[in-house]
Amino acid sequence: MITRDDIRRACDMIRPYLRRTPVVQLDLTGPVTHKLEQLQCAGSFKARGAGTNLLLRDVPPAGVAAASGGNHGVAVTYAAHLLASRPGSSCPPCPPRPRSSTFVSWRTW
């Protein structure tokens, strides 16, 4: 079972690598709270899980790979890039243009 202490440890571990994203309150037809995770460096909350996962493991010299051209692939590639591991993502043949440039900028193979 994951405890609050486990979550605190993971938060402390990944804090240097991620942005602290804002929480905003809106009152539309009632109060709505939004956590703006799209402002995260990798564009989604998935950077938290990918970063924690890589920090908790011994990454082999060959690096890491994600079979995703979406948020998961971007997050794994970003985390590997930050941690100086060899990142790789297996993308669909025609990922959306913003995704293509993201993968290229973080030197995926």
Foldseek 3Di string as FASTA:
>chain_A
DDDPVNVVVLCVQCVVPWDQFDWDWDQDVHIDIDGLQCPIPLRHPLLSVLLSVVVVDDADQQFDEAAELDSNLSSNLSNCLVVVHAYAYNYDPCRPPVSVVSNVVSPHD
